[in-house]
N, C-alpha and C. Protein backbone atom coordinates (compact mmCIF):
# COMPACT_ATOMS: atom_id res chain seq x y z
N MET A 1 0.78 -1.25 -0.07
CA MET A 1 0.04 0.02 0.03
C MET A 1 1.05 1.16 -0.02
N LYS A 2 1.83 1.14 0.96
CA LYS A 2 2.73 2.58 0.97
C LYS A 2 3.30 2.74 -0.35
N ASN A 3 3.97 1.48 -0.84
CA ASN A 3 4.81 1.65 -2.19
C ASN A 3 3.83 1.99 -3.33
N LEU A 4 2.64 1.73 -3.22
CA LEU A 4 1.81 2.07 -4.33
C LEU A 4 1.51 3.61 -4.36
N TYR A 5 1.14 4.17 -3.10
CA TYR A 5 0.61 5.52 -3.10
C TYR A 5 1.73 6.62 -2.77
N GLU A 6 2.80 6.22 -2.13
CA GLU A 6 3.92 7.21 -1.76
C GLU A 6 4.47 7.86 -3.08
N PRO A 7 4.80 7.12 -4.11
CA PRO A 7 5.37 7.94 -5.35
C PRO A 7 4.27 8.81 -5.86
N LEU A 8 3.11 8.38 -5.90
CA LEU A 8 2.08 9.37 -6.35
C LEU A 8 1.82 10.47 -5.43
N ILE A 9 2.05 10.47 -4.26
CA ILE A 9 1.89 11.64 -3.26
C ILE A 9 2.95 12.58 -3.54
N HIS A 10 4.25 11.98 -3.88
CA HIS A 10 5.41 12.79 -4.11
C HIS A 10 5.31 13.59 -5.35
N SER A 11 4.80 12.81 -6.34
CA SER A 11 4.60 13.42 -7.68
C SER A 11 3.68 14.44 -7.51
N SER A 12 2.49 14.37 -6.78
CA SER A 12 1.54 15.48 -6.67
C SER A 12 2.12 16.62 -6.00
N ILE A 13 3.00 16.37 -4.82
CA ILE A 13 3.62 17.41 -4.18
C ILE A 13 4.55 18.33 -5.02
N LYS A 14 5.44 17.70 -5.94
CA LYS A 14 6.29 18.17 -6.89
C LYS A 14 5.49 19.15 -7.88
N THR A 15 4.27 18.70 -8.25
CA THR A 15 3.53 19.47 -9.10
C THR A 15 3.20 20.91 -8.41
N ILE A 16 2.73 20.75 -7.21
CA ILE A 16 2.37 21.96 -6.52
C ILE A 16 3.45 22.63 -6.33
N ILE A 17 4.75 22.20 -5.84
CA ILE A 17 5.88 23.12 -5.85
C ILE A 17 6.22 23.83 -7.18
N ASN A 18 6.20 23.02 -8.22
CA ASN A 18 6.50 23.76 -9.51
C ASN A 18 5.61 24.68 -9.88
N GLN A 19 4.29 24.57 -9.57
CA GLN A 19 3.06 25.49 -9.91
C GLN A 19 3.54 26.82 -9.15
N PHE A 20 3.87 26.36 -7.73
CA PHE A 20 4.01 27.58 -6.82
C PHE A 20 5.30 28.58 -7.23
N HIS A 21 6.27 27.91 -7.71
CA HIS A 21 7.53 28.43 -8.26
C HIS A 21 7.09 29.50 -9.46
N ARG A 22 6.42 28.98 -10.33
CA ARG A 22 5.78 29.67 -11.49
C ARG A 22 5.09 30.89 -11.20
N LYS A 23 4.11 30.69 -10.33
CA LYS A 23 2.99 31.63 -9.86
C LYS A 23 2.74 31.72 -8.54
N PRO A 24 3.70 32.32 -7.78
CA PRO A 24 3.64 32.59 -6.30
C PRO A 24 2.67 33.31 -5.76
N ASP A 25 2.11 34.24 -6.62
CA ASP A 25 0.89 35.13 -6.14
C ASP A 25 -0.49 34.67 -6.79
N ASN A 26 -0.55 33.55 -7.22
CA ASN A 26 -1.91 32.99 -7.54
C ASN A 26 -2.91 32.90 -6.60
N PHE A 27 -2.41 32.59 -5.30
CA PHE A 27 -3.29 32.29 -4.09
C PHE A 27 -3.13 33.55 -3.09
N PHE A 28 -4.51 34.02 -3.03
CA PHE A 28 -4.65 35.04 -2.06
C PHE A 28 -4.63 34.71 -0.48
N ASN A 29 -5.09 33.49 -0.35
CA ASN A 29 -5.28 33.04 1.00
C ASN A 29 -5.03 31.48 0.98
N GLU A 30 -4.93 30.97 2.34
CA GLU A 30 -4.67 29.70 2.40
C GLU A 30 -5.75 28.73 2.01
N HIS A 31 -7.17 29.25 1.95
CA HIS A 31 -8.19 28.35 1.60
C HIS A 31 -8.12 28.10 0.07
N GLU A 32 -7.77 29.31 -0.59
CA GLU A 32 -7.53 29.01 -1.95
C GLU A 32 -6.60 28.12 -2.31
N PHE A 33 -5.36 28.20 -1.48
CA PHE A 33 -4.28 27.13 -1.86
C PHE A 33 -4.68 25.79 -1.65
N HIS A 34 -5.54 25.57 -0.56
CA HIS A 34 -5.85 24.22 -0.34
C HIS A 34 -6.83 23.71 -1.50
N HIS A 35 -7.61 24.63 -2.08
CA HIS A 35 -8.49 24.22 -3.26
C HIS A 35 -7.50 23.73 -4.39
N TYR A 36 -6.37 24.37 -4.69
CA TYR A 36 -5.64 24.08 -5.72
C TYR A 36 -4.89 22.71 -5.31
N CYS A 37 -4.38 22.46 -4.18
CA CYS A 37 -3.73 20.99 -3.78
C CYS A 37 -4.78 19.93 -4.04
N TYR A 38 -5.81 20.29 -3.50
CA TYR A 38 -6.88 19.23 -3.67
C TYR A 38 -7.12 18.75 -5.42
N HIS A 39 -6.99 19.93 -6.04
CA HIS A 39 -7.23 19.64 -7.44
C HIS A 39 -6.32 18.86 -7.89
N VAL A 40 -4.95 18.93 -7.62
CA VAL A 40 -3.71 18.46 -8.17
C VAL A 40 -3.85 16.73 -7.81
N PHE A 41 -4.09 16.74 -6.52
CA PHE A 41 -4.27 15.37 -6.08
C PHE A 41 -5.49 14.44 -6.81
N TYR A 42 -6.61 15.19 -6.88
CA TYR A 42 -7.65 14.60 -7.31
C TYR A 42 -7.64 14.12 -9.02
N LYS A 43 -6.65 15.09 -9.64
CA LYS A 43 -6.48 14.66 -11.01
C LYS A 43 -5.82 13.35 -11.32
N LYS A 44 -5.22 12.83 -10.38
CA LYS A 44 -4.59 11.33 -10.44
C LYS A 44 -5.63 10.32 -10.29
N LYS A 45 -5.80 9.44 -11.33
CA LYS A 45 -7.04 8.57 -11.15
C LYS A 45 -7.05 7.70 -9.95
N GLU A 46 -5.85 7.32 -9.47
CA GLU A 46 -5.85 6.57 -8.22
C GLU A 46 -6.45 7.16 -7.06
N PHE A 47 -6.48 8.57 -6.88
CA PHE A 47 -7.11 9.45 -5.87
C PHE A 47 -8.58 9.61 -6.21
N SER A 48 -8.92 9.41 -7.19
CA SER A 48 -10.49 9.57 -7.67
C SER A 48 -11.02 8.43 -7.91
N LYS A 49 -10.50 7.34 -7.76
CA LYS A 49 -11.04 6.21 -8.13
C LYS A 49 -12.02 5.81 -6.87
N GLN A 50 -13.21 5.06 -7.36
CA GLN A 50 -14.34 5.11 -6.31
C GLN A 50 -14.27 3.56 -5.67
N TYR A 51 -14.67 3.45 -4.24
CA TYR A 51 -14.69 2.01 -3.59
C TYR A 51 -16.11 1.97 -3.08
N LYS A 52 -16.56 0.70 -2.90
CA LYS A 52 -17.90 0.54 -2.49
C LYS A 52 -17.87 0.40 -0.82
N THR A 53 -18.64 0.94 0.06
CA THR A 53 -18.69 1.01 1.32
C THR A 53 -19.30 -0.56 1.56
N SER A 54 -19.40 -1.17 2.84
CA SER A 54 -19.84 -2.46 3.03
C SER A 54 -21.37 -2.41 3.06
N ASP A 55 -22.11 -1.18 3.04
CA ASP A 55 -23.46 -1.06 2.94
C ASP A 55 -23.87 -0.44 1.56
N GLY A 56 -22.97 -0.52 0.52
CA GLY A 56 -23.18 -0.41 -0.72
C GLY A 56 -23.09 1.16 -1.32
N PHE A 57 -22.54 2.10 -0.54
CA PHE A 57 -22.37 3.39 -1.16
C PHE A 57 -20.95 3.56 -1.65
N LYS A 58 -20.83 4.30 -2.77
CA LYS A 58 -19.51 4.53 -3.43
C LYS A 58 -18.85 5.99 -3.13
N THR A 59 -17.64 6.10 -2.79
CA THR A 59 -16.93 7.07 -2.44
C THR A 59 -15.43 6.84 -2.92
N ASN A 60 -14.75 8.08 -3.10
CA ASN A 60 -13.38 7.98 -3.49
C ASN A 60 -12.48 8.11 -2.21
N ILE A 61 -11.20 7.92 -2.42
CA ILE A 61 -10.30 7.93 -1.09
C ILE A 61 -9.82 9.17 -0.79
N LEU A 62 -9.92 10.27 -1.58
CA LEU A 62 -9.41 11.60 -1.33
C LEU A 62 -10.38 12.51 -0.57
N HIS A 63 -10.10 13.07 0.58
CA HIS A 63 -11.14 13.76 1.13
C HIS A 63 -10.50 14.85 1.87
N PRO A 64 -11.01 16.21 1.93
CA PRO A 64 -10.37 17.35 2.58
C PRO A 64 -11.20 17.44 3.85
N GLU A 65 -10.47 18.10 4.82
CA GLU A 65 -10.98 18.38 6.23
C GLU A 65 -11.42 17.16 6.89
N PHE A 66 -10.70 16.05 6.72
CA PHE A 66 -11.26 14.79 7.48
C PHE A 66 -10.86 14.67 8.81
N PRO A 67 -11.87 14.31 9.66
CA PRO A 67 -11.76 14.47 11.28
C PRO A 67 -10.79 13.26 11.83
N THR A 68 -10.02 13.88 12.73
CA THR A 68 -9.16 13.02 13.47
C THR A 68 -9.92 12.24 14.36
N LEU A 69 -9.16 11.20 14.88
CA LEU A 69 -9.92 10.26 16.14
C LEU A 69 -9.66 10.95 17.49
N GLN A 70 -8.58 11.55 17.55
CA GLN A 70 -8.37 12.07 18.91
C GLN A 70 -8.83 13.46 19.04
N LYS A 71 -8.98 13.71 20.33
CA LYS A 71 -9.53 15.16 20.73
C LYS A 71 -8.40 16.00 21.27
N PHE A 72 -8.19 17.17 20.94
CA PHE A 72 -7.11 18.04 21.23
C PHE A 72 -7.64 19.30 21.88
N SER A 73 -6.43 19.93 22.67
CA SER A 73 -6.44 21.38 23.08
C SER A 73 -5.47 22.04 22.17
N ARG A 74 -6.00 22.85 21.54
CA ARG A 74 -5.27 23.63 20.38
C ARG A 74 -4.41 24.60 21.02
N LYS A 75 -4.97 25.25 22.27
CA LYS A 75 -4.11 26.13 22.92
C LYS A 75 -2.89 25.52 23.81
N ASN A 76 -3.11 24.38 24.17
CA ASN A 76 -2.18 23.85 25.13
C ASN A 76 -1.28 22.90 24.09
N ILE A 77 -1.71 22.56 22.89
CA ILE A 77 -1.06 21.64 21.98
C ILE A 77 -0.95 20.37 22.76
N ALA A 78 -2.11 19.61 23.01
CA ALA A 78 -2.18 18.44 23.75
C ALA A 78 -3.32 17.44 23.51
N ILE A 79 -3.29 16.19 23.62
CA ILE A 79 -4.59 15.36 23.69
C ILE A 79 -5.17 15.74 24.89
N ASP A 80 -6.68 15.90 24.53
CA ASP A 80 -7.37 16.41 25.61
C ASP A 80 -8.78 15.77 25.50
N PRO A 81 -9.23 14.74 26.28
CA PRO A 81 -10.33 14.16 26.18
C PRO A 81 -11.72 15.04 26.27
N ARG A 82 -11.34 16.14 26.78
CA ARG A 82 -12.33 17.20 26.96
C ARG A 82 -12.33 18.25 25.95
N GLY A 83 -11.44 18.09 24.96
CA GLY A 83 -11.13 19.04 23.90
C GLY A 83 -12.13 18.76 22.60
N VAL A 84 -11.59 19.08 21.59
CA VAL A 84 -12.38 18.92 20.41
C VAL A 84 -11.54 18.19 19.35
N ARG A 85 -12.16 17.41 18.58
CA ARG A 85 -11.63 16.69 17.44
C ARG A 85 -11.07 17.77 16.35
N ALA A 86 -9.98 17.49 15.69
CA ALA A 86 -9.46 18.30 14.78
C ALA A 86 -9.75 17.77 13.37
N ARG A 87 -9.22 18.31 12.42
CA ARG A 87 -9.31 17.76 11.03
C ARG A 87 -8.19 17.97 10.37
N TYR A 88 -7.61 16.76 9.49
CA TYR A 88 -6.64 16.95 8.72
C TYR A 88 -6.95 17.75 7.43
N ASP A 89 -6.06 18.71 6.95
CA ASP A 89 -6.33 19.39 5.70
C ASP A 89 -6.88 18.48 4.47
N MET A 90 -6.15 17.40 4.40
CA MET A 90 -6.46 16.34 3.39
C MET A 90 -6.13 15.09 3.81
N ALA A 91 -7.01 14.12 3.49
CA ALA A 91 -6.66 12.70 3.79
C ALA A 91 -6.80 11.69 2.44
N ILE A 92 -5.86 10.76 2.63
CA ILE A 92 -6.17 9.61 1.56
C ILE A 92 -6.74 8.41 2.28
N LEU A 93 -7.84 7.87 2.35
CA LEU A 93 -8.30 6.75 2.84
C LEU A 93 -7.89 5.35 2.47
N ASN A 94 -7.79 4.45 3.25
CA ASN A 94 -7.27 3.26 2.89
C ASN A 94 -8.59 2.38 2.09
N PRO A 95 -8.36 1.95 0.81
CA PRO A 95 -9.54 1.38 0.29
C PRO A 95 -10.14 0.12 1.20
N GLU A 96 -9.41 -0.47 1.90
CA GLU A 96 -9.83 -1.50 2.77
C GLU A 96 -10.73 -1.06 3.90
N PHE A 97 -10.58 0.16 4.36
CA PHE A 97 -11.18 0.90 5.47
C PHE A 97 -12.69 1.21 4.97
N ILE A 98 -12.63 1.68 3.62
CA ILE A 98 -13.75 1.94 2.75
C ILE A 98 -14.56 0.72 2.67
N GLU A 99 -14.10 -0.25 1.94
CA GLU A 99 -14.86 -1.51 1.72
C GLU A 99 -15.26 -2.41 2.84
N ASN A 100 -14.64 -2.26 4.02
CA ASN A 100 -14.96 -3.17 5.13
C ASN A 100 -15.98 -2.42 6.20
N ASN A 101 -16.35 -1.15 6.03
CA ASN A 101 -17.29 -0.47 6.97
C ASN A 101 -18.36 0.16 6.23
N PRO A 102 -19.20 0.52 7.10
CA PRO A 102 -20.43 1.25 6.36
C PRO A 102 -20.05 2.81 6.11
N LEU A 103 -20.75 3.43 5.27
CA LEU A 103 -20.43 4.85 4.96
C LEU A 103 -20.53 5.55 6.21
N LYS A 104 -21.45 5.40 7.25
CA LYS A 104 -21.42 6.16 8.48
C LYS A 104 -20.06 6.23 9.13
N LYS A 105 -19.54 5.05 9.25
CA LYS A 105 -18.28 5.05 9.82
C LYS A 105 -17.22 5.74 9.17
N VAL A 106 -17.15 5.17 7.83
CA VAL A 106 -15.91 5.78 6.75
C VAL A 106 -16.03 7.45 6.74
N ARG A 107 -17.11 8.09 7.10
CA ARG A 107 -17.14 9.47 7.01
C ARG A 107 -16.51 9.93 8.42
N CYS A 108 -16.41 9.11 9.20
CA CYS A 108 -15.65 9.47 10.54
C CYS A 108 -16.12 10.55 11.32
N ARG A 109 -17.61 10.94 11.25
CA ARG A 109 -18.14 11.94 11.96
C ARG A 109 -18.56 11.64 13.48
N ASP A 110 -19.00 10.36 13.48
CA ASP A 110 -19.41 9.84 14.82
C ASP A 110 -18.55 9.18 15.36
N ILE A 111 -17.93 9.69 16.52
CA ILE A 111 -16.82 9.04 17.12
C ILE A 111 -17.20 7.86 17.95
N SER A 112 -18.45 7.79 18.24
CA SER A 112 -18.93 6.68 18.96
C SER A 112 -18.83 5.26 18.22
N LEU A 113 -18.62 5.50 16.94
CA LEU A 113 -18.49 4.30 16.11
C LEU A 113 -17.03 3.56 16.19
N PHE A 114 -16.36 4.39 16.69
CA PHE A 114 -14.75 3.74 16.91
C PHE A 114 -14.58 3.57 18.39
N LYS A 115 -15.22 2.44 18.83
CA LYS A 115 -15.32 2.05 20.20
C LYS A 115 -14.21 1.28 20.69
N ASP A 116 -13.49 0.62 19.90
CA ASP A 116 -12.43 -0.32 20.10
C ASP A 116 -10.94 0.35 19.88
N THR A 117 -10.18 0.29 20.98
CA THR A 117 -8.79 0.74 20.90
C THR A 117 -8.20 0.35 19.84
N SER A 118 -8.50 -0.64 19.12
CA SER A 118 -7.51 -1.01 17.93
C SER A 118 -8.13 0.05 16.85
N ASP A 119 -9.03 0.59 16.78
CA ASP A 119 -9.52 1.45 15.71
C ASP A 119 -8.56 2.61 15.58
N TYR A 120 -7.82 3.02 16.61
CA TYR A 120 -7.04 4.27 16.64
C TYR A 120 -5.73 3.68 16.28
N LYS A 121 -5.67 2.62 15.89
CA LYS A 121 -4.15 2.10 15.19
C LYS A 121 -4.34 1.33 14.00
N SER A 122 -5.58 1.49 13.56
CA SER A 122 -5.89 0.47 12.38
C SER A 122 -5.53 0.92 11.14
N LYS A 123 -4.67 2.06 10.83
CA LYS A 123 -4.24 2.48 9.57
C LYS A 123 -5.40 2.60 8.60
N ASN A 124 -6.36 3.35 9.06
CA ASN A 124 -7.54 3.66 8.23
C ASN A 124 -7.20 4.55 7.14
N LEU A 125 -6.12 5.45 7.34
CA LEU A 125 -5.94 6.37 6.39
C LEU A 125 -4.27 6.05 5.78
N ILE A 126 -4.14 6.08 4.51
CA ILE A 126 -2.99 5.89 3.75
C ILE A 126 -2.21 6.95 4.23
N ALA A 127 -2.69 8.39 4.05
CA ALA A 127 -1.97 9.45 4.34
C ALA A 127 -2.84 10.57 4.83
N ALA A 128 -1.99 11.47 5.76
CA ALA A 128 -2.75 12.70 6.15
C ALA A 128 -1.78 13.87 5.72
N ILE A 129 -2.34 14.95 5.34
CA ILE A 129 -1.47 16.02 4.88
C ILE A 129 -1.78 17.38 5.52
N GLU A 130 -0.94 18.08 6.04
CA GLU A 130 -1.37 19.41 6.57
C GLU A 130 -0.56 20.40 5.68
N PHE A 131 -1.37 21.51 5.37
CA PHE A 131 -1.04 22.63 4.46
C PHE A 131 -0.67 23.81 5.33
N LYS A 132 0.22 24.59 5.12
CA LYS A 132 0.28 26.13 5.49
C LYS A 132 0.59 26.99 4.48
N TYR A 133 0.00 28.03 4.21
CA TYR A 133 0.29 29.04 3.24
C TYR A 133 0.52 30.54 3.86
N ILE A 134 1.72 30.77 3.90
CA ILE A 134 2.06 32.24 4.76
C ILE A 134 2.29 33.20 3.67
N ILE A 135 1.26 34.22 3.91
CA ILE A 135 1.52 35.60 2.87
C ILE A 135 2.00 36.54 3.83
N GLU A 136 2.15 36.46 5.02
CA GLU A 136 2.77 37.59 5.97
C GLU A 136 3.37 36.88 7.18
N HIS A 137 4.59 36.77 7.42
CA HIS A 137 5.26 35.96 8.62
C HIS A 137 4.72 36.56 10.10
N SER A 138 4.45 35.72 10.84
CA SER A 138 4.12 36.18 12.19
C SER A 138 4.50 34.91 13.13
N PRO A 139 4.66 35.31 14.59
CA PRO A 139 5.03 34.19 15.37
C PRO A 139 3.71 33.39 15.47
N LYS A 140 2.59 33.82 15.24
CA LYS A 140 1.38 32.71 15.54
C LYS A 140 1.62 31.50 14.64
N PHE A 141 2.40 31.51 13.42
CA PHE A 141 2.57 30.39 12.61
C PHE A 141 3.42 29.32 13.33
N ILE A 142 4.22 29.69 14.38
CA ILE A 142 5.12 28.82 14.99
C ILE A 142 4.25 27.93 15.88
N HIS A 143 3.06 28.45 16.62
CA HIS A 143 2.34 27.77 17.37
C HIS A 143 1.35 26.72 16.41
N GLU A 144 0.82 27.46 15.45
CA GLU A 144 0.10 26.71 14.43
C GLU A 144 0.87 25.46 13.83
N ILE A 145 2.20 25.71 13.37
CA ILE A 145 2.88 24.50 12.83
C ILE A 145 3.30 23.51 13.95
N LYS A 146 3.46 24.00 15.36
CA LYS A 146 3.68 22.78 16.18
C LYS A 146 2.40 22.10 16.55
N TYR A 147 1.21 22.69 16.44
CA TYR A 147 -0.01 22.09 16.49
C TYR A 147 -0.32 20.98 15.54
N ASP A 148 -0.04 21.51 14.07
CA ASP A 148 -0.40 20.55 13.15
C ASP A 148 0.66 19.29 13.23
N PHE A 149 2.04 19.54 13.74
CA PHE A 149 2.96 18.43 13.84
C PHE A 149 2.49 17.62 15.07
N PHE A 150 1.88 18.14 16.01
CA PHE A 150 1.46 17.21 17.02
C PHE A 150 0.40 16.58 16.69
N LYS A 151 -0.54 17.11 16.13
CA LYS A 151 -1.55 16.37 15.46
C LYS A 151 -1.32 15.07 14.66
N LEU A 152 -0.51 15.45 13.58
CA LEU A 152 0.11 14.40 12.70
C LEU A 152 0.93 13.13 13.68
N ASN A 153 1.55 13.65 14.74
CA ASN A 153 2.43 12.81 15.47
C ASN A 153 1.54 11.83 16.41
N SER A 154 0.41 12.24 16.68
CA SER A 154 -0.62 11.57 17.34
C SER A 154 -1.45 10.69 16.73
N ALA A 155 -1.29 10.73 15.40
CA ALA A 155 -2.29 10.06 14.34
C ALA A 155 -1.85 8.58 14.14
N GLU A 156 -2.15 7.60 15.05
CA GLU A 156 -1.87 6.24 14.68
C GLU A 156 -2.51 5.67 13.66
N GLU A 157 -3.56 6.33 13.31
CA GLU A 157 -4.53 5.64 12.24
C GLU A 157 -4.00 6.04 10.96
N VAL A 158 -2.78 6.67 10.80
CA VAL A 158 -2.30 7.21 9.57
C VAL A 158 -0.90 6.47 9.18
N VAL A 159 -0.76 6.20 8.07
CA VAL A 159 0.52 5.47 7.56
C VAL A 159 1.65 6.56 7.21
N LEU A 160 1.17 7.38 6.14
CA LEU A 160 2.07 8.39 5.67
C LEU A 160 1.56 9.93 6.21
N LYS A 161 2.45 10.54 6.77
CA LYS A 161 2.19 11.78 7.35
C LYS A 161 3.22 13.08 6.63
N TYR A 162 2.57 14.14 6.26
CA TYR A 162 3.10 15.23 5.63
C TYR A 162 2.80 16.53 6.15
N MET A 163 3.73 17.23 6.18
CA MET A 163 3.67 18.77 6.72
C MET A 163 4.06 19.59 5.39
N LEU A 164 3.24 20.56 4.71
CA LEU A 164 3.70 21.31 3.50
C LEU A 164 3.59 22.77 3.76
N VAL A 165 4.59 23.33 3.94
CA VAL A 165 4.44 24.81 4.25
C VAL A 165 5.15 25.72 3.17
N PHE A 166 4.22 26.57 2.49
CA PHE A 166 4.62 27.55 1.44
C PHE A 166 4.57 28.86 1.91
N THR A 167 5.47 29.77 1.22
CA THR A 167 5.39 31.29 1.54
C THR A 167 5.93 32.04 0.48
N ASN A 168 5.25 32.84 0.13
CA ASN A 168 5.69 33.88 -1.08
C ASN A 168 6.55 35.20 -0.76
N THR A 169 6.94 35.20 0.63
CA THR A 169 7.65 36.25 1.11
C THR A 169 8.66 36.04 1.95
N ILE A 170 9.70 36.50 2.11
CA ILE A 170 10.95 36.46 3.02
C ILE A 170 11.05 37.51 3.97
N ASP A 171 9.89 38.55 3.83
CA ASP A 171 10.07 39.83 4.82
C ASP A 171 9.65 39.17 6.18
N ARG A 172 10.57 39.59 7.04
CA ARG A 172 10.46 39.08 8.59
C ARG A 172 10.25 37.57 8.75
N GLU A 173 10.93 36.71 7.82
CA GLU A 173 10.98 35.40 7.73
C GLU A 173 11.25 34.81 9.15
N ILE A 174 10.62 33.81 9.61
CA ILE A 174 10.88 33.24 11.00
C ILE A 174 11.00 31.74 10.63
N ASP A 175 12.02 31.22 11.41
CA ASP A 175 12.28 29.51 11.51
C ASP A 175 11.18 29.01 12.15
N CYS A 176 10.29 28.34 11.40
CA CYS A 176 9.05 27.78 12.06
C CYS A 176 9.33 26.31 12.57
N PHE A 177 10.44 25.86 12.28
CA PHE A 177 10.83 24.37 12.73
C PHE A 177 11.94 24.25 13.70
N LYS A 178 12.43 25.30 14.40
CA LYS A 178 13.54 25.31 15.08
C LYS A 178 13.38 24.47 16.15
N ASP A 179 12.06 24.14 16.75
CA ASP A 179 11.69 23.41 17.83
C ASP A 179 11.10 21.90 17.50
N ILE A 180 11.03 21.77 16.36
CA ILE A 180 10.35 20.56 15.71
C ILE A 180 11.35 19.30 15.83
N LYS A 181 10.81 18.14 16.44
CA LYS A 181 11.70 16.94 16.40
C LYS A 181 11.91 16.35 15.08
N ARG A 182 13.22 15.98 15.07
CA ARG A 182 13.81 15.45 13.54
C ARG A 182 13.46 13.78 13.54
N ASP A 183 13.36 13.35 14.65
CA ASP A 183 13.06 11.90 14.57
C ASP A 183 11.84 11.07 14.69
N THR A 184 10.86 11.70 13.83
CA THR A 184 9.57 11.18 13.62
C THR A 184 9.23 10.62 12.21
N ASP A 185 8.26 10.22 12.02
CA ASP A 185 7.82 9.58 10.54
C ASP A 185 7.18 10.69 9.80
N ILE A 186 7.04 12.06 10.26
CA ILE A 186 6.52 12.88 9.61
C ILE A 186 7.35 13.51 8.61
N LYS A 187 6.97 13.68 7.32
CA LYS A 187 7.76 14.50 6.30
C LYS A 187 7.42 15.74 6.10
N ILE A 188 8.31 16.73 6.06
CA ILE A 188 8.03 18.27 6.08
C ILE A 188 8.98 18.78 4.95
N ILE A 189 8.20 19.85 4.40
CA ILE A 189 8.86 20.51 3.21
C ILE A 189 8.50 21.84 3.56
N TYR A 190 9.39 23.04 3.48
CA TYR A 190 9.09 24.31 3.42
C TYR A 190 9.64 25.04 2.41
N VAL A 191 8.87 25.60 1.46
CA VAL A 191 9.14 26.22 0.18
C VAL A 191 8.79 27.69 0.12
N THR A 192 9.95 28.53 -0.16
CA THR A 192 9.84 29.94 -0.30
C THR A 192 10.08 30.24 -1.83
N VAL A 193 9.25 31.25 -2.05
CA VAL A 193 9.48 31.90 -3.31
C VAL A 193 9.51 33.25 -3.16
N PHE A 194 10.62 33.93 -3.72
CA PHE A 194 10.62 35.56 -3.55
C PHE A 194 11.28 35.93 -4.69
N ASP A 195 10.97 37.36 -4.88
CA ASP A 195 11.55 38.24 -6.12
C ASP A 195 13.04 38.84 -5.66
N GLU A 196 13.81 38.68 -6.54
CA GLU A 196 15.15 39.16 -6.19
C GLU A 196 15.66 39.68 -7.71
N ASN A 197 15.67 41.08 -7.63
CA ASN A 197 15.87 41.85 -9.01
C ASN A 197 15.01 41.34 -10.26
N GLY A 198 13.83 41.14 -9.97
CA GLY A 198 12.91 40.93 -10.96
C GLY A 198 12.81 39.38 -11.31
N LYS A 199 13.60 38.58 -10.55
CA LYS A 199 13.64 36.98 -10.85
C LYS A 199 13.10 36.40 -9.64
N LYS A 200 12.19 35.32 -10.05
CA LYS A 200 11.53 34.57 -8.95
C LYS A 200 12.68 33.53 -8.39
N ILE A 201 12.96 33.65 -7.21
CA ILE A 201 14.02 32.76 -6.55
C ILE A 201 13.22 31.59 -5.73
N MET A 202 13.60 30.48 -5.57
CA MET A 202 12.85 29.37 -4.89
C MET A 202 13.87 28.73 -4.15
N ARG A 203 13.54 28.47 -2.73
CA ARG A 203 14.32 27.69 -1.99
C ARG A 203 13.36 26.69 -1.09
N SER A 204 14.13 25.70 -0.72
CA SER A 204 13.23 24.70 0.11
C SER A 204 13.98 24.11 1.04
N LYS A 205 13.30 23.64 2.08
CA LYS A 205 13.96 22.90 3.21
C LYS A 205 13.20 21.74 3.52
N GLN A 206 13.70 20.64 3.75
CA GLN A 206 13.08 19.06 3.70
C GLN A 206 13.56 18.61 5.14
N ILE A 207 12.62 18.02 5.90
CA ILE A 207 12.78 17.49 7.32
C ILE A 207 12.02 16.17 7.22
N PRO A 208 12.80 14.97 7.21
CA PRO A 208 14.35 14.78 7.11
C PRO A 208 14.73 15.32 5.68
N LYS A 209 16.07 15.43 5.79
CA LYS A 209 16.65 16.02 4.50
C LYS A 209 16.51 15.07 3.44
N ASP A 210 16.18 15.63 2.31
CA ASP A 210 16.15 14.97 1.03
C ASP A 210 15.04 13.76 0.98
N TRP A 211 14.05 13.93 1.66
CA TRP A 211 13.12 12.71 1.50
C TRP A 211 12.43 12.67 0.34
N MET A 212 12.27 13.86 -0.45
CA MET A 212 11.43 13.83 -1.66
C MET A 212 12.24 13.56 -2.94
N ILE A 213 13.58 13.32 -2.73
CA ILE A 213 14.33 13.27 -4.19
C ILE A 213 13.88 12.13 -4.95
């Protein structure tokens, strides 16, 4: 499963990076950027292919704003049973999860359907992807990136985990990853495109190093 989908995910990420390099001002906000990223992934037939649930409904494996199984405190960046469920910016569902469960469970809206502790480690998701699009650098992004990182790091139901951070400015740029652990299975890329003497310059940072070559 990992070997089948991982190259397709990386190929999609490279397409997004190339488009961002060419047209870094195409997106006015993060919501618009999310739409484009979903479009890039959905164009691959493997991600738009439909599977039938155990009760006869059809759905594809690619879904934005997919609910987490854990509840979190966003302020304290912690798992909190009294907190609220978060959402992954984009999730790629395991076809077996779709085929072996009714649509109501596949949608993951009703947490009471996940009663068994094994549900939380069942690898229902092939991948979970978090996006950040920075148009103005601010210390608040450090907290948001830490929160997204913690959310992914806590996701035992996910096989492949990604954080993709894009920015089209270096004005007051901040190192958002200075306190991020390096010894996890989360793959991170930070892409900066900026103007220098009328030329678009792109630089990127990968954690761990060179995971997407």
